[in-house]
Amino acid sequence: MNLTHNTILITGGTNGIGLALAERFLKRQNTVIVCGRRDTVLEAARKKLPGLHGLICDVGQAEERQRLAEWIVREFPALNVLVNNAGIQRKIDLTAASGGGGAWEMLRDEIAINFDAPIHLSMLLANHLSGQRGAAIVNVSSGLAFTPMAAAPIYCATKAGLHSFSVSLRYQLARQAIEVIEIMPPAVNTDLGGSGQHTFGVPVDDFADAVFAGLAKKEQEIGYGSAAQVMRLSRDEIDRVTQRINQHFHT
């Protein structure tokens, strides 16, 4: 994809990785629109990045995704890039969950935001993107799509599904000249999973800079750090890494 003169929608773009990408796209003369669930966070993002456009939207809700797609096409008809970045991560003990209404609603919310939303938004906007120059769909998955962390089973499953979907989508949209790019972060120092949960992760600015280096090289799959390593492992190597990161479950 081109790095300049695009019109870009970034879901979950009000903080973390999404905001770091928005900042870099803005600096390269792109029109950038972000959406998020909290108006205070959106306002803080717009204050930090003058020129940023935004909309309050819960992409975990199908009707909200429909509203977002209709709004973006109407207000920003030059849209040519969709970045499916919104995501949540929860540490869940499945053996302790009752499976009742409250527990299932929490699990389903994570599935809806991480997995339903990228699929649905890609479907809603594919026809519009097919008529645009330099069209692209960018899906943010995770290194955990390949080596799951058992403590976050739903998150890892959704990211594995998003990786598979990205591969299929790339084939389906090839004839429509819509590029499909997958970004695979390692642990990044953001508030994913809650404040202070990922302070051990790589700095978000370092990761975002690496993403743009990959985009400049026209890479279809962009990893960084440990994610760049696991995305190319053999099945036996994947099993060994997965056992290592989950070894505390056996002690």
Protein backbone atom coordinates (compact mmCIF):
# COMPACT_ATOMS: atom_id res chain seq x y z
CA MET A 1 0.00 0.00 0.00
CA ASN A 2 1.01 3.61 -0.43
CA LEU A 3 2.15 5.43 2.69
CA THR A 4 0.88 8.86 1.64
CA HIS A 5 -2.31 10.48 0.38
CA ASN A 6 -4.66 7.79 1.65
CA THR A 7 -7.94 8.05 3.51
CA ILE A 8 -7.65 5.57 6.36
CA LEU A 9 -10.06 4.21 8.97
CA ILE A 10 -8.42 2.70 12.07
CA THR A 11 -10.68 0.85 14.51
CA GLY A 12 -9.53 1.07 18.10
CA GLY A 13 -7.38 3.97 16.99
CA THR A 14 -7.80 6.15 20.06
CA ASN A 15 -4.92 4.65 22.05
CA GLY A 16 -2.16 2.06 22.02
CA ILE A 17 -1.04 0.58 18.72
CA GLY A 18 -3.93 2.17 16.82
CA LEU A 19 -3.04 5.68 17.94
CA ALA A 20 0.66 5.14 17.20
CA LEU A 21 -0.23 4.08 13.65
CA ALA A 22 -2.61 7.04 13.30
CA GLU A 23 0.15 9.44 14.32
CA ARG A 24 2.52 8.09 11.69
CA PHE A 25 -0.10 8.09 8.95
CA LEU A 26 -0.98 11.70 9.74
CA LYS A 27 2.65 12.72 9.44
CA ARG A 28 2.67 11.25 5.93
CA GLN A 29 -0.14 13.45 4.61
CA ASN A 30 -2.97 10.95 5.01
CA THR A 31 -6.53 11.63 6.11
CA VAL A 32 -7.00 9.50 9.22
CA ILE A 33 -10.25 8.56 10.93
CA VAL A 34 -10.32 6.57 14.16
CA CYS A 35 -13.13 5.02 16.17
CA GLY A 36 -13.30 3.96 19.79
CA ARG A 37 -15.82 3.23 22.51
CA ARG A 38 -15.07 6.06 24.96
CA ASP A 39 -15.62 9.71 24.14
CA THR A 40 -13.07 10.94 26.69
CA VAL A 41 -10.35 8.80 25.11
CA LEU A 42 -11.32 9.91 21.62
CA GLU A 43 -11.19 13.55 22.67
CA ALA A 44 -7.74 13.04 24.21
CA ALA A 45 -6.54 11.42 20.95
CA ARG A 46 -7.84 14.33 18.88
CA LYS A 47 -6.19 16.79 21.24
CA LYS A 48 -2.87 14.95 20.92
CA LEU A 49 -3.13 14.67 17.13
CA PRO A 50 -4.73 17.76 15.59
CA GLY A 51 -6.33 16.89 12.28
CA LEU A 52 -7.44 13.45 13.46
CA HIS A 53 -11.08 12.62 12.69
CA GLY A 54 -13.10 10.35 14.95
CA LEU A 55 -16.37 8.64 15.75
CA ILE A 56 -17.62 6.92 18.89
CA CYS A 57 -18.41 3.35 17.89
CA ASP A 58 -18.49 -0.05 19.60
CA VAL A 59 -17.33 -2.38 16.83
CA GLY A 60 -18.39 -5.31 18.98
CA GLN A 61 -22.02 -4.56 18.00
CA ALA A 62 -23.20 -5.49 14.49
CA GLU A 63 -25.51 -2.49 14.21
CA GLU A 64 -22.66 -0.18 15.24
CA ARG A 65 -20.44 -1.64 12.54
CA GLN A 66 -23.18 -1.05 9.98
CA ARG A 67 -23.54 2.54 11.18
CA LEU A 68 -19.78 3.06 11.00
CA ALA A 69 -19.56 1.72 7.46
CA GLU A 70 -22.42 3.92 6.25
CA TRP A 71 -21.00 6.99 7.99
CA ILE A 72 -17.45 6.53 6.69
CA VAL A 73 -18.55 6.07 3.07
CA ARG A 74 -20.84 9.10 3.31
CA GLU A 75 -18.45 11.45 5.12
CA PHE A 76 -15.15 10.19 3.67
CA PRO A 77 -15.93 8.75 0.23
CA ALA A 78 -12.22 8.66 -0.67
CA LEU A 79 -11.68 5.92 1.95
CA ASN A 80 -9.22 3.40 0.54
CA VAL A 81 -7.64 1.76 3.60
CA LEU A 82 -9.31 -0.11 6.47
CA VAL A 83 -7.18 -0.99 9.49
CA ASN A 84 -8.88 -3.58 11.70
CA ASN A 85 -7.00 -2.89 14.91
CA ALA A 86 -9.59 -2.87 17.73
CA GLY A 87 -9.03 -5.65 20.23
CA ILE A 88 -9.37 -6.63 23.87
CA GLN A 89 -7.52 -9.27 25.87
CA ARG A 90 -8.79 -10.92 29.03
CA LYS A 91 -7.10 -13.44 31.28
CA ILE A 92 -9.71 -16.16 31.78
CA ASP A 93 -9.74 -19.39 33.79
CA LEU A 94 -12.12 -21.50 31.73
CA THR A 95 -12.28 -24.17 34.42
CA ALA A 96 -13.63 -21.63 36.90
CA ALA A 97 -16.12 -20.01 34.53
CA SER A 98 -19.68 -21.15 35.10
CA GLY A 99 -20.73 -20.69 31.50
CA GLY A 100 -23.74 -18.74 32.71
CA GLY A 101 -25.04 -15.53 31.18
CA GLY A 102 -22.49 -13.15 32.67
CA ALA A 103 -19.49 -15.35 31.93
CA TRP A 104 -20.58 -16.09 28.38
CA GLU A 105 -21.43 -12.46 27.62
CA MET A 106 -17.89 -11.50 28.62
CA LEU A 107 -16.38 -14.17 26.38
CA ARG A 108 -18.66 -13.30 23.48
CA ASP A 109 -17.72 -9.62 23.75
CA GLU A 110 -14.05 -10.51 23.24
CA ILE A 111 -14.93 -12.66 20.23
CA ALA A 112 -17.13 -9.94 18.74
CA ILE A 113 -14.51 -7.18 18.96
CA ASN A 114 -11.47 -9.25 18.00
CA PHE A 115 -12.94 -11.50 15.33
CA ASP A 116 -16.50 -10.62 14.28
CA ALA A 117 -15.64 -6.97 13.70
CA PRO A 118 -12.74 -7.43 11.22
CA ILE A 119 -14.75 -9.95 9.19
CA HIS A 120 -17.92 -7.88 9.14
CA LEU A 121 -16.21 -4.55 8.40
CA SER A 122 -14.20 -6.15 5.60
CA MET A 123 -17.44 -7.42 4.08
CA LEU A 124 -19.23 -4.10 4.54
CA LEU A 125 -16.45 -2.04 2.93
CA ALA A 126 -14.95 -4.39 0.32
CA ASN A 127 -17.15 -3.18 -2.54
CA HIS A 128 -16.37 0.45 -1.75
CA LEU A 129 -12.65 -0.25 -1.47
CA SER A 130 -12.61 -2.11 -4.78
CA GLY A 131 -13.27 1.17 -6.58
CA GLN A 132 -10.44 3.02 -4.88
CA ARG A 133 -6.84 3.44 -5.94
CA GLY A 134 -4.29 1.86 -3.60
CA ALA A 135 -6.96 0.00 -1.64
CA ALA A 136 -5.92 -2.11 1.33
CA ILE A 137 -7.28 -3.94 4.35
CA VAL A 138 -4.84 -4.20 7.24
CA ASN A 139 -5.60 -6.73 9.99
CA VAL A 140 -3.77 -6.57 13.32
CA SER A 141 -3.47 -10.10 14.67
CA SER A 142 -0.75 -11.27 17.08
CA GLY A 143 2.25 -13.53 17.49
CA LEU A 144 -0.05 -15.41 19.87
CA ALA A 145 -2.02 -16.55 16.82
CA PHE A 146 0.79 -19.12 16.36
CA THR A 147 1.92 -19.86 19.94
CA PRO A 148 -1.14 -19.36 22.17
CA MET A 149 -0.86 -18.25 25.77
CA ALA A 150 -3.30 -20.44 27.69
CA ALA A 151 -4.08 -17.69 30.21
CA ALA A 152 -5.79 -15.69 27.44
CA PRO A 153 -7.51 -18.49 25.50
CA ILE A 154 -10.22 -16.46 23.77
CA TYR A 155 -7.85 -13.70 22.68
CA CYS A 156 -5.39 -16.19 21.19
CA ALA A 157 -8.16 -18.11 19.43
CA THR A 158 -9.56 -14.94 17.85
CA LYS A 159 -6.12 -13.91 16.63
CA ALA A 160 -5.49 -17.36 15.14
CA GLY A 161 -8.83 -17.05 13.38
CA LEU A 162 -7.96 -13.56 12.16
CA HIS A 163 -4.69 -14.84 10.70
CA SER A 164 -6.53 -17.57 8.80
CA PHE A 165 -9.18 -15.11 7.65
CA SER A 166 -6.50 -12.71 6.41
CA VAL A 167 -4.96 -15.41 4.23
CA SER A 168 -8.33 -16.32 2.71
CA LEU A 169 -9.29 -12.67 2.27
CA ARG A 170 -6.03 -11.99 0.43
CA TYR A 171 -6.91 -14.62 -2.16
CA GLN A 172 -10.54 -13.52 -2.50
CA LEU A 173 -9.73 -9.84 -2.98
CA ALA A 174 -6.76 -10.29 -5.32
CA ARG A 175 -8.89 -9.79 -8.43
CA GLN A 176 -10.35 -6.61 -6.96
CA ALA A 177 -6.88 -5.14 -6.44
CA ILE A 178 -7.41 -4.81 -2.68
CA GLU A 179 -4.19 -5.58 -0.85
CA VAL A 180 -4.55 -7.54 2.41
CA ILE A 181 -1.81 -6.94 4.97
CA GLU A 182 -1.45 -8.64 8.34
CA ILE A 183 0.41 -7.02 11.22
CA MET A 184 1.56 -9.40 13.96
CA PRO A 185 2.63 -7.67 17.18
CA PRO A 186 4.54 -9.29 20.02
CA ALA A 187 3.71 -8.10 23.53
CA VAL A 188 3.65 -4.29 23.25
CA ASN A 189 3.68 -1.87 26.18
CA THR A 190 0.07 -0.67 25.91
CA ASP A 191 -3.03 -0.94 28.09
CA LEU A 192 -4.25 -4.08 26.30
CA GLY A 193 -5.66 -6.33 29.01
CA GLY A 194 -5.61 -3.49 31.53
CA SER A 195 -3.24 -0.80 32.72
CA GLY A 196 0.17 -2.15 33.67
CA GLN A 197 -0.40 -5.61 32.20
CA HIS A 198 2.11 -5.26 29.36
CA THR A 199 4.86 -3.09 30.80
CA PHE A 200 7.29 -5.87 29.87
CA GLY A 201 6.39 -5.44 26.20
CA VAL A 202 8.32 -3.62 23.52
CA PRO A 203 7.83 0.16 23.31
CA VAL A 204 4.84 1.02 21.15
CA ASP A 205 6.80 3.61 19.16
CA ASP A 206 9.49 1.06 18.27
CA PHE A 207 6.83 -1.37 17.12
CA ALA A 208 4.95 1.24 15.07
CA ASP A 209 8.18 2.36 13.38
CA ALA A 210 8.89 -1.26 12.45
CA VAL A 211 5.40 -1.62 10.99
CA PHE A 212 5.97 1.36 8.72
CA ALA A 213 9.32 -0.05 7.64
CA GLY A 214 7.49 -3.24 6.66
CA LEU A 215 4.81 -1.30 4.82
CA ALA A 216 7.49 0.60 2.92
CA LYS A 217 8.95 -2.75 1.82
CA LYS A 218 5.50 -3.89 0.60
CA GLU A 219 5.43 -6.82 3.03
CA GLN A 220 2.11 -8.66 3.27
CA GLU A 221 2.85 -10.05 6.75
CA ILE A 222 4.67 -7.80 9.19
CA GLY A 223 5.99 -9.16 12.45
CA TYR A 224 8.30 -7.66 15.04
CA GLY A 225 10.53 -9.12 17.73
CA SER A 226 9.28 -12.47 18.99
CA ALA A 227 6.25 -12.33 16.68
CA ALA A 228 8.52 -12.11 13.64
CA GLN A 229 10.25 -15.25 14.85
CA VAL A 230 7.20 -17.40 15.68
CA MET A 231 5.36 -16.59 12.44
CA ARG A 232 8.01 -18.61 10.55
CA LEU A 233 8.46 -21.55 12.91
CA SER A 234 7.86 -25.17 11.94
CA ARG A 235 5.08 -27.09 13.67
CA ASP A 236 7.52 -28.85 15.99
CA GLU A 237 9.14 -25.54 16.89
CA ILE A 238 5.72 -23.99 17.54
CA ASP A 239 4.91 -26.85 19.93
CA ARG A 240 8.13 -26.30 21.85
CA VAL A 241 7.61 -22.55 22.19
CA THR A 242 3.98 -23.02 23.23
CA GLN A 243 4.97 -25.54 25.89
CA ARG A 244 7.60 -23.15 27.20
CA ILE A 245 5.30 -20.13 27.56
CA ASN A 246 2.64 -22.26 29.26
CA GLN A 247 4.89 -24.36 31.49
CA HIS A 248 3.49 -22.85 34.70
CA PHE A 249 0.24 -24.71 34.03
CA HIS A 250 2.11 -27.96 34.76
CA THR A 251 3.66 -26.86 38.05
